[in-house]
Amino acid sequence: MSALWIAHVTVTDEVSYKKYAELAGPAIADHGGTFLARGGRFVQLEGKERPRNVVAKFPSVEAAVDCYNSAAYQAALDHARDASERELMVVEITE
């Protein structure tokens, strides 16, 4: 079953986060991920608001987790750790 990678982000260092985004995109694509939403308009109904929200679709939960654990994504993440506050989850799509 397919899965969604859902990130809620507050960017605190635009320069470093831009480098993260440049590196993360190809790492996500290499694992079959495609972006459905990247920082578009949103309405916060509950919980902590984060101004940047990203949703990517992967072929499976395992593909999304493998992406996260890959050397390429971890290299990208090195630029985001001190440049953002974020939550990230993977949710299986029940089709």
PDB file of N, CA and C in Angstrom:
ATOM      1  N   MET A   1       0.831  -1.187   0.000  1.00  0.00           N
ATOM      2  CA  MET A   1       0.000   0.000   0.000  1.00  0.00           C
ATOM      3  C   MET A   1       0.874   1.249   0.000  1.00  0.00           C
ATOM      4  N   SER A   2       0.392   2.274  -0.653  1.00  0.00           N
ATOM      5  CA  SER A   2       1.108   3.549  -0.690  1.00  0.00           C
ATOM      6  C   SER A   2       1.116   4.201   0.683  1.00  0.00           C
ATOM      7  N   ALA A   3       1.985   5.203   0.817  1.00  0.00           N
ATOM      8  CA  ALA A   3       2.100   5.905   2.093  1.00  0.00           C
ATOM      9  C   ALA A   3       2.359   7.382   1.853  1.00  0.00           C
ATOM     10  N   LEU A   4       1.966   8.173   2.818  1.00  0.00           N
ATOM     11  CA  LEU A   4       2.232   9.613   2.787  1.00  0.00           C
ATOM     12  C   LEU A   4       3.280   9.962   3.821  1.00  0.00           C
ATOM     13  N   TRP A   5       4.221  10.787   3.428  1.00  0.00           N
ATOM     14  CA  TRP A   5       5.252  11.367   4.291  1.00  0.00           C
ATOM     15  C   TRP A   5       4.740  12.766   4.560  1.00  0.00           C
ATOM     16  N   ILE A   6       4.451  13.081   5.794  1.00  0.00           N
ATOM     17  CA  ILE A   6       3.842  14.360   6.152  1.00  0.00           C
ATOM     18  C   ILE A   6       4.772  15.096   7.118  1.00  0.00           C
ATOM     19  N   ALA A   7       5.201  16.276   6.714  1.00  0.00           N
ATOM     20  CA  ALA A   7       6.093  17.086   7.544  1.00  0.00           C
ATOM     21  C   ALA A   7       5.439  18.424   7.837  1.00  0.00           C
ATOM     22  N   HIS A   8       5.542  18.847   9.089  1.00  0.00           N
ATOM     23  CA  HIS A   8       5.084  20.165   9.526  1.00  0.00           C
ATOM     24  C   HIS A   8       6.330  20.893  10.020  1.00  0.00           C
ATOM     25  N   VAL A   9       6.624  22.058   9.446  1.00  0.00           N
ATOM     26  CA  VAL A   9       7.928  22.680   9.654  1.00  0.00           C
ATOM     27  C   VAL A   9       7.817  24.180   9.944  1.00  0.00           C
ATOM     28  N   THR A  10       8.640  24.621  10.890  1.00  0.00           N
ATOM     29  CA  THR A  10       8.909  26.048  11.091  1.00  0.00           C
ATOM     30  C   THR A  10      10.387  26.241  10.779  1.00  0.00           C
ATOM     31  N   VAL A  11      10.674  26.997   9.744  1.00  0.00           N
ATOM     32  CA  VAL A  11      12.058  27.246   9.337  1.00  0.00           C
ATOM     33  C   VAL A  11      12.630  28.371  10.198  1.00  0.00           C
ATOM     34  N   THR A  12      13.809  28.130  10.775  1.00  0.00           N
ATOM     35  CA  THR A  12      14.460  29.135  11.623  1.00  0.00           C
ATOM     36  C   THR A  12      15.736  29.690  10.987  1.00  0.00           C
ATOM     37  N   ASP A  13      16.232  29.031   9.943  1.00  0.00           N
ATOM     38  CA  ASP A  13      17.430  29.483   9.214  1.00  0.00           C
ATOM     39  C   ASP A  13      17.186  29.189   7.742  1.00  0.00           C
ATOM     40  N   GLU A  14      16.781  30.213   6.994  1.00  0.00           N
ATOM     41  CA  GLU A  14      16.399  30.048   5.588  1.00  0.00           C
ATOM     42  C   GLU A  14      17.535  29.509   4.720  1.00  0.00           C
ATOM     43  N   VAL A  15      18.756  29.962   4.957  1.00  0.00           N
ATOM     44  CA  VAL A  15      19.894  29.563   4.126  1.00  0.00           C
ATOM     45  C   VAL A  15      20.173  28.070   4.274  1.00  0.00           C
ATOM     46  N   SER A  16      20.281  27.606   5.507  1.00  0.00           N
ATOM     47  CA  SER A  16      20.544  26.181   5.744  1.00  0.00           C
ATOM     48  C   SER A  16      19.375  25.320   5.295  1.00  0.00           C
ATOM     49  N   TYR A  17      18.165  25.790   5.507  1.00  0.00           N
ATOM     50  CA  TYR A  17      17.006  24.994   5.124  1.00  0.00           C
ATOM     51  C   TYR A  17      16.899  24.875   3.609  1.00  0.00           C
ATOM     52  N   LYS A  18      17.303  25.904   2.903  1.00  0.00           N
ATOM     53  CA  LYS A  18      17.304  25.847   1.441  1.00  0.00           C
ATOM     54  C   LYS A  18      18.241  24.740   0.963  1.00  0.00           C
ATOM     55  N   LYS A  19      19.398  24.613   1.590  1.00  0.00           N
ATOM     56  CA  LYS A  19      20.337  23.548   1.238  1.00  0.00           C
ATOM     57  C   LYS A  19      19.709  22.181   1.519  1.00  0.00           C
ATOM     58  N   TYR A  20      19.013  22.056   2.652  1.00  0.00           N
ATOM     59  CA  TYR A  20      18.293  20.818   2.957  1.00  0.00           C
ATOM     60  C   TYR A  20      17.331  20.480   1.823  1.00  0.00           C
ATOM     61  N   ALA A  21      16.524  21.446   1.419  1.00  0.00           N
ATOM     62  CA  ALA A  21      15.511  21.209   0.388  1.00  0.00           C
ATOM     63  C   ALA A  21      16.149  20.788  -0.936  1.00  0.00           C
ATOM     64  N   GLU A  22      17.271  21.404  -1.278  1.00  0.00           N
ATOM     65  CA  GLU A  22      17.973  21.053  -2.515  1.00  0.00           C
ATOM     66  C   GLU A  22      18.436  19.602  -2.508  1.00  0.00           C
ATOM     67  N   LEU A  23      18.876  19.124  -1.360  1.00  0.00           N
ATOM     68  CA  LEU A  23      19.379  17.748  -1.246  1.00  0.00           C
ATOM     69  C   LEU A  23      18.268  16.729  -0.986  1.00  0.00           C
ATOM     70  N   ALA A  24      17.245  17.137  -0.251  1.00  0.00           N
ATOM     71  CA  ALA A  24      16.173  16.206   0.118  1.00  0.00           C
ATOM     72  C   ALA A  24      15.322  15.804  -1.076  1.00  0.00           C
ATOM     73  N   GLY A  25      15.048  16.733  -1.964  1.00  0.00           N
ATOM     74  CA  GLY A  25      14.200  16.437  -3.131  1.00  0.00           C
ATOM     75  C   GLY A  25      14.688  15.238  -3.927  1.00  0.00           C
ATOM     76  N   PRO A  26      15.958  15.234  -4.355  1.00  0.00           N
ATOM     77  CA  PRO A  26      16.463  14.077  -5.096  1.00  0.00           C
ATOM     78  C   PRO A  26      16.470  12.781  -4.272  1.00  0.00           C
ATOM     79  N   ALA A  27      16.759  12.867  -2.985  1.00  0.00           N
ATOM     80  CA  ALA A  27      16.750  11.673  -2.135  1.00  0.00           C
ATOM     81  C   ALA A  27      15.343  11.088  -2.070  1.00  0.00           C
ATOM     82  N   ILE A  28      14.354  11.938  -1.965  1.00  0.00           N
ATOM     83  CA  ILE A  28      12.960  11.492  -1.923  1.00  0.00           C
ATOM     84  C   ILE A  28      12.576  10.868  -3.261  1.00  0.00           C
ATOM     85  N   ALA A  29      12.924  11.516  -4.359  1.00  0.00           N
ATOM     86  CA  ALA A  29      12.611  10.981  -5.688  1.00  0.00           C
ATOM     87  C   ALA A  29      13.287   9.630  -5.922  1.00  0.00           C
ATOM     88  N   ASP A  30      14.508   9.472  -5.443  1.00  0.00           N
ATOM     89  CA  ASP A  30      15.242   8.215  -5.611  1.00  0.00           C
ATOM     90  C   ASP A  30      14.557   7.039  -4.928  1.00  0.00           C
ATOM     91  N   HIS A  31      13.683   7.320  -3.977  1.00  0.00           N
ATOM     92  CA  HIS A  31      12.962   6.259  -3.270  1.00  0.00           C
ATOM     93  C   HIS A  31      11.499   6.180  -3.713  1.00  0.00           C
ATOM     94  N   GLY A  32      11.204   6.759  -4.864  1.00  0.00           N
ATOM     95  CA  GLY A  32       9.859   6.678  -5.421  1.00  0.00           C
ATOM     96  C   GLY A  32       8.890   7.704  -4.884  1.00  0.00           C
ATOM     97  N   GLY A  33       9.405   8.685  -4.129  1.00  0.00           N
ATOM     98  CA  GLY A  33       8.540   9.716  -3.559  1.00  0.00           C
ATOM     99  C   GLY A  33       8.210  10.803  -4.562  1.00  0.00           C
ATOM    100  N   THR A  34       6.963  11.264  -4.531  1.00  0.00           N
ATOM    101  CA  THR A  34       6.531  12.391  -5.350  1.00  0.00           C
ATOM    102  C   THR A  34       5.813  13.385  -4.445  1.00  0.00           C
ATOM    103  N   PHE A  35       6.094  14.651  -4.647  1.00  0.00           N
ATOM    104  CA  PHE A  35       5.500  15.686  -3.798  1.00  0.00           C
ATOM    105  C   PHE A  35       4.059  15.966  -4.214  1.00  0.00           C
ATOM    106  N   LEU A  36       3.187  16.012  -3.220  1.00  0.00           N
ATOM    107  CA  LEU A  36       1.791  16.386  -3.420  1.00  0.00           C
ATOM    108  C   LEU A  36       1.544  17.812  -2.944  1.00  0.00           C
ATOM    109  N   ALA A  37       2.285  18.238  -1.927  1.00  0.00           N
ATOM    110  CA  ALA A  37       2.162  19.595  -1.384  1.00  0.00           C
ATOM    111  C   ALA A  37       3.513  20.009  -0.825  1.00  0.00           C
ATOM    112  N   ARG A  38       3.891  21.255  -1.090  1.00  0.00           N
ATOM    113  CA  ARG A  38       5.156  21.792  -0.582  1.00  0.00           C
ATOM    114  C   ARG A  38       4.954  23.253  -0.208  1.00  0.00           C
ATOM    115  N   GLY A  39       4.540  23.478   1.030  1.00  0.00           N
ATOM    116  CA  GLY A  39       4.443  24.844   1.520  1.00  0.00           C
ATOM    117  C   GLY A  39       3.272  25.641   0.986  1.00  0.00           C
ATOM    118  N   GLY A  40       2.247  24.988   0.475  1.00  0.00           N
ATOM    119  CA  GLY A  40       1.089  25.691  -0.066  1.00  0.00           C
ATOM    120  C   GLY A  40       0.157  26.218   1.018  1.00  0.00           C
ATOM    121  N   ARG A  41      -0.922  26.778   0.563  1.00  0.00           N
ATOM    122  CA  ARG A  41      -1.938  27.341   1.447  1.00  0.00           C
ATOM    123  C   ARG A  41      -2.499  26.241   2.351  1.00  0.00           C
ATOM    124  N   PHE A  42      -2.751  26.583   3.606  1.00  0.00           N
ATOM    125  CA  PHE A  42      -3.329  25.623   4.545  1.00  0.00           C
ATOM    126  C   PHE A  42      -4.192  26.359   5.550  1.00  0.00           C
ATOM    127  N   VAL A  43      -5.036  25.595   6.219  1.00  0.00           N
ATOM    128  CA  VAL A  43      -5.873  26.106   7.298  1.00  0.00           C
ATOM    129  C   VAL A  43      -5.609  25.231   8.512  1.00  0.00           C
ATOM    130  N   GLN A  44      -5.099  25.805   9.574  1.00  0.00           N
ATOM    131  CA  GLN A  44      -4.819  25.065  10.811  1.00  0.00           C
ATOM    132  C   GLN A  44      -6.097  24.993  11.634  1.00  0.00           C
ATOM    133  N   LEU A  45      -6.584  23.804  11.868  1.00  0.00           N
ATOM    134  CA  LEU A  45      -7.817  23.638  12.629  1.00  0.00           C
ATOM    135  C   LEU A  45      -7.557  23.225  14.070  1.00  0.00           C
ATOM    136  N   GLU A  46      -6.496  22.455  14.305  1.00  0.00           N
ATOM    137  CA  GLU A  46      -6.148  22.015  15.654  1.00  0.00           C
ATOM    138  C   GLU A  46      -4.642  21.873  15.756  1.00  0.00           C
ATOM    139  N   GLY A  47      -4.143  21.889  16.977  1.00  0.00           N
ATOM    140  CA  GLY A  47      -2.726  21.622  17.209  1.00  0.00           C
ATOM    141  C   GLY A  47      -1.819  22.796  16.904  1.00  0.00           C
ATOM    142  N   LYS A  48      -0.515  22.525  16.984  1.00  0.00           N
ATOM    143  CA  LYS A  48       0.503  23.553  16.778  1.00  0.00           C
ATOM    144  C   LYS A  48       0.617  23.884  15.302  1.00  0.00           C
ATOM    145  N   GLU A  49       0.547  25.155  15.001  1.00  0.00           N
ATOM    146  CA  GLU A  49       0.665  25.597  13.615  1.00  0.00           C
ATOM    147  C   GLU A  49       2.128  25.670  13.202  1.00  0.00           C
ATOM    148  N   ARG A  50       2.437  25.125  12.053  1.00  0.00           N
ATOM    149  CA  ARG A  50       3.743  25.238  11.420  1.00  0.00           C
ATOM    150  C   ARG A  50       3.502  25.860  10.044  1.00  0.00           C
ATOM    151  N   PRO A  51       4.240  26.898   9.687  1.00  0.00           N
ATOM    152  CA  PRO A  51       3.949  27.608   8.442  1.00  0.00           C
ATOM    153  C   PRO A  51       4.295  26.850   7.160  1.00  0.00           C
ATOM    154  N   ARG A  52       5.096  25.794   7.252  1.00  0.00           N
ATOM    155  CA  ARG A  52       5.448  25.022   6.050  1.00  0.00           C
ATOM    156  C   ARG A  52       4.994  23.582   6.265  1.00  0.00           C
ATOM    157  N   ASN A  53       4.224  23.082   5.322  1.00  0.00           N
ATOM    158  CA  ASN A  53       3.712  21.716   5.386  1.00  0.00           C
ATOM    159  C   ASN A  53       4.037  21.015   4.071  1.00  0.00           C
ATOM    160  N   VAL A  54       4.570  19.816   4.182  1.00  0.00           N
ATOM    161  CA  VAL A  54       5.001  19.067   3.000  1.00  0.00           C
ATOM    162  C   VAL A  54       4.380  17.680   3.048  1.00  0.00           C
ATOM    163  N   VAL A  55       3.834  17.256   1.905  1.00  0.00           N
ATOM    164  CA  VAL A  55       3.275  15.915   1.785  1.00  0.00           C
ATOM    165  C   VAL A  55       3.876  15.276   0.538  1.00  0.00           C
ATOM    166  N   ALA A  56       4.461  14.097   0.718  1.00  0.00           N
ATOM    167  CA  ALA A  56       4.984  13.323  -0.405  1.00  0.00           C
ATOM    168  C   ALA A  56       4.365  11.936  -0.368  1.00  0.00           C
ATOM    169  N   LYS A  57       4.104  11.386  -1.535  1.00  0.00           N
ATOM    170  CA  LYS A  57       3.537  10.038  -1.635  1.00  0.00           C
ATOM    171  C   LYS A  57       4.657   9.071  -2.021  1.00  0.00           C
ATOM    172  N   PHE A  58       4.713   7.952  -1.327  1.00  0.00           N
ATOM    173  CA  PHE A  58       5.692   6.898  -1.578  1.00  0.00           C
ATOM    174  C   PHE A  58       4.959   5.611  -1.936  1.00  0.00           C
ATOM    175  N   PRO A  59       5.654   4.676  -2.590  1.00  0.00           N
ATOM    176  CA  PRO A  59       5.016   3.404  -2.940  1.00  0.00           C
ATOM    177  C   PRO A  59       4.597   2.580  -1.721  1.00  0.00           C
ATOM    178  N   SER A  60       5.267   2.793  -0.587  1.00  0.00           N
ATOM    179  CA  SER A  60       4.948   2.017   0.616  1.00  0.00           C
ATOM    180  C   SER A  60       5.531   2.719   1.843  1.00  0.00           C
ATOM    181  N   VAL A  61       5.088   2.285   3.020  1.00  0.00           N
ATOM    182  CA  VAL A  61       5.665   2.787   4.267  1.00  0.00           C
ATOM    183  C   VAL A  61       7.158   2.471   4.290  1.00  0.00           C
ATOM    184  N   GLU A  62       7.499   1.265   3.862  1.00  0.00           N
ATOM    185  CA  GLU A  62       8.905   0.846   3.886  1.00  0.00           C
ATOM    186  C   GLU A  62       9.768   1.731   2.998  1.00  0.00           C
ATOM    187  N   ALA A  63       9.263   2.104   1.816  1.00  0.00           N
ATOM    188  CA  ALA A  63      10.025   2.978   0.919  1.00  0.00           C
ATOM    189  C   ALA A  63      10.262   4.341   1.570  1.00  0.00           C
ATOM    190  N   ALA A  64       9.241   4.861   2.254  1.00  0.00           N
ATOM    191  CA  ALA A  64       9.386   6.166   2.922  1.00  0.00           C
ATOM    192  C   ALA A  64      10.396   6.085   4.061  1.00  0.00           C
ATOM    193  N   VAL A  65      10.331   5.025   4.850  1.00  0.00           N
ATOM    194  CA  VAL A  65      11.266   4.860   5.970  1.00  0.00           C
ATOM    195  C   VAL A  65      12.678   4.617   5.442  1.00  0.00           C
ATOM    196  N   ASP A  66      12.796   3.823   4.375  1.00  0.00           N
ATOM    197  CA  ASP A  66      14.108   3.613   3.762  1.00  0.00           C
ATOM    198  C   ASP A  66      14.694   4.926   3.268  1.00  0.00           C
ATOM    199  N   CYS A  67      13.858   5.777   2.703  1.00  0.00           N
ATOM    200  CA  CYS A  67      14.308   7.100   2.260  1.00  0.00           C
ATOM    201  C   CYS A  67      14.851   7.885   3.441  1.00  0.00           C
ATOM    202  N   TYR A  68      14.076   7.946   4.512  1.00  0.00           N
ATOM    203  CA  TYR A  68      14.493   8.698   5.692  1.00  0.00           C
ATOM    204  C   TYR A  68      15.843   8.204   6.212  1.00  0.00           C
ATOM    205  N   ASN A  69      16.042   6.905   6.213  1.00  0.00           N
ATOM    206  CA  ASN A  69      17.268   6.321   6.750  1.00  0.00           C
ATOM    207  C   ASN A  69      18.424   6.289   5.755  1.00  0.00           C
ATOM    208  N   SER A  70      18.181   6.690   4.518  1.00  0.00           N
ATOM    209  CA  SER A  70      19.229   6.634   3.493  1.00  0.00           C
ATOM    210  C   SER A  70      20.332   7.654   3.776  1.00  0.00           C
ATOM    211  N   ALA A  71      21.513   7.347   3.295  1.00  0.00           N
ATOM    212  CA  ALA A  71      22.655   8.256   3.457  1.00  0.00           C
ATOM    213  C   ALA A  71      22.366   9.602   2.808  1.00  0.00           C
ATOM    214  N   ALA A  72      21.720   9.588   1.644  1.00  0.00           N
ATOM    215  CA  ALA A  72      21.442  10.844   0.937  1.00  0.00           C
ATOM    216  C   ALA A  72      20.488  11.731   1.733  1.00  0.00           C
ATOM    217  N   TYR A  73      19.420  11.134   2.280  1.00  0.00           N
ATOM    218  CA  TYR A  73      18.476  11.957   3.042  1.00  0.00           C
ATOM    219  C   TYR A  73      19.090  12.423   4.359  1.00  0.00           C
ATOM    220  N   GLN A  74      19.852  11.565   5.014  1.00  0.00           N
ATOM    221  CA  GLN A  74      20.487  11.965   6.268  1.00  0.00           C
ATOM    222  C   GLN A  74      21.480  13.104   6.044  1.00  0.00           C
ATOM    223  N   ALA A  75      22.168  13.103   4.899  1.00  0.00           N
ATOM    224  CA  ALA A  75      23.067  14.217   4.562  1.00  0.00           C
ATOM    225  C   ALA A  75      22.266  15.499   4.395  1.00  0.00           C
ATOM    226  N   ALA A  76      21.087  15.400   3.778  1.00  0.00           N
ATOM    227  CA  ALA A  76      20.220  16.570   3.644  1.00  0.00           C
ATOM    228  C   ALA A  76      19.736  17.034   5.012  1.00  0.00           C
ATOM    229  N   LEU A  77      19.326  16.083   5.828  1.00  0.00           N
ATOM    230  CA  LEU A  77      18.776  16.383   7.147  1.00  0.00           C
ATOM    231  C   LEU A  77      19.772  17.103   8.041  1.00  0.00           C
ATOM    232  N   ASP A  78      21.052  16.873   7.826  1.00  0.00           N
ATOM    233  CA  ASP A  78      22.075  17.591   8.594  1.00  0.00           C
ATOM    234  C   ASP A  78      21.906  19.104   8.474  1.00  0.00           C
ATOM    235  N   HIS A  79      21.377  19.571   7.332  1.00  0.00           N
ATOM    236  CA  HIS A  79      21.171  21.008   7.115  1.00  0.00           C
ATOM    237  C   HIS A  79      19.871  21.508   7.748  1.00  0.00           C
ATOM    238  N   ALA A  80      18.922  20.607   8.006  1.00  0.00           N
ATOM    239  CA  ALA A  80      17.621  21.009   8.554  1.00  0.00           C
ATOM    240  C   ALA A  80      17.573  20.969  10.065  1.00  0.00           C
ATOM    241  N   ARG A  81      18.406  20.128  10.677  1.00  0.00           N
ATOM    242  CA  ARG A  81      18.298  19.913  12.128  1.00  0.00           C
ATOM    243  C   ARG A  81      18.397  21.201  12.925  1.00  0.00           C
ATOM    244  N   ASP A  82      19.363  22.040  12.645  1.00  0.00           N
ATOM    245  CA  ASP A  82      19.522  23.299  13.379  1.00  0.00           C
ATOM    246  C   ASP A  82      18.885  24.482  12.660  1.00  0.00           C
ATOM    247  N   ALA A  83      18.170  24.188  11.570  1.00  0.00           N
ATOM    248  CA  ALA A  83      17.570  25.250  10.767  1.00  0.00           C
ATOM    249  C   ALA A  83      16.050  25.212  10.799  1.00  0.00           C
ATOM    250  N   SER A  84      15.493  24.307  11.620  1.00  0.00           N
ATOM    251  CA  SER A  84      14.043  24.180  11.637  1.00  0.00           C
ATOM    252  C   SER A  84      13.569  23.442  12.883  1.00  0.00           C
ATOM    253  N   GLU A  85      12.298  23.636  13.164  1.00  0.00           N
ATOM    254  CA  GLU A  85      11.574  22.836  14.147  1.00  0.00           C
ATOM    255  C   GLU A  85      10.565  22.061  13.322  1.00  0.00           C
ATOM    256  N   ARG A  86      10.490  20.740  13.501  1.00  0.00           N
ATOM    257  CA  ARG A  86       9.653  19.959  12.603  1.00  0.00           C
ATOM    258  C   ARG A  86       9.138  18.674  13.227  1.00  0.00           C
ATOM    259  N   GLU A  87       8.044  18.238  12.691  1.00  0.00           N
ATOM    260  CA  GLU A  87       7.496  16.932  12.979  1.00  0.00           C
ATOM    261  C   GLU A  87       7.383  16.220  11.638  1.00  0.00           C
ATOM    262  N   LEU A  88       7.668  14.938  11.639  1.00  0.00           N
ATOM    263  CA  LEU A  88       7.593  14.150  10.409  1.00  0.00           C
ATOM    264  C   LEU A  88       6.974  12.799  10.735  1.00  0.00           C
ATOM    265  N   MET A  89       6.032  12.382   9.908  1.00  0.00           N
ATOM    266  CA  MET A  89       5.405  11.076  10.096  1.00  0.00           C
ATOM    267  C   MET A  89       5.170  10.441   8.749  1.00  0.00           C
ATOM    268  N   VAL A  90       5.023   9.116   8.760  1.00  0.00           N
ATOM    269  CA  VAL A  90       4.642   8.366   7.574  1.00  0.00           C
ATOM    270  C   VAL A  90       3.347   7.660   7.900  1.00  0.00           C
ATOM    271  N   VAL A  91       2.371   7.799   7.011  1.00  0.00           N
ATOM    272  CA  VAL A  91       1.040   7.225   7.220  1.00  0.00           C
ATOM    273  C   VAL A  91       0.671   6.374   6.008  1.00  0.00           C
ATOM    274  N   GLU A  92       0.310   5.132   6.266  1.00  0.00           N
ATOM    275  CA  GLU A  92      -0.114   4.257   5.189  1.00  0.00           C
ATOM    276  C   GLU A  92      -1.474   4.705   4.669  1.00  0.00           C
ATOM    277  N   ILE A  93      -1.626   4.681   3.361  1.00  0.00           N
ATOM    278  CA  ILE A  93      -2.904   5.044   2.732  1.00  0.00           C
ATOM    279  C   ILE A  93      -3.766   3.783   2.677  1.00  0.00           C
ATOM    280  N   THR A  94      -4.941   3.859   3.217  1.00  0.00           N
ATOM    281  CA  THR A  94      -5.869   2.733   3.150  1.00  0.00           C
ATOM    282  C   THR A  94      -6.741   2.959   1.917  1.00  0.00           C
ATOM    283  N   GLU A  95      -6.425   2.244   0.874  1.00  0.00           N
ATOM    284  CA  GLU A  95      -7.099   2.444  -0.415  1.00  0.00           C
ATOM    285  C   GLU A  95      -8.225   1.474  -0.600  1.00  0.00           C
TER     286      GLU A  95
END
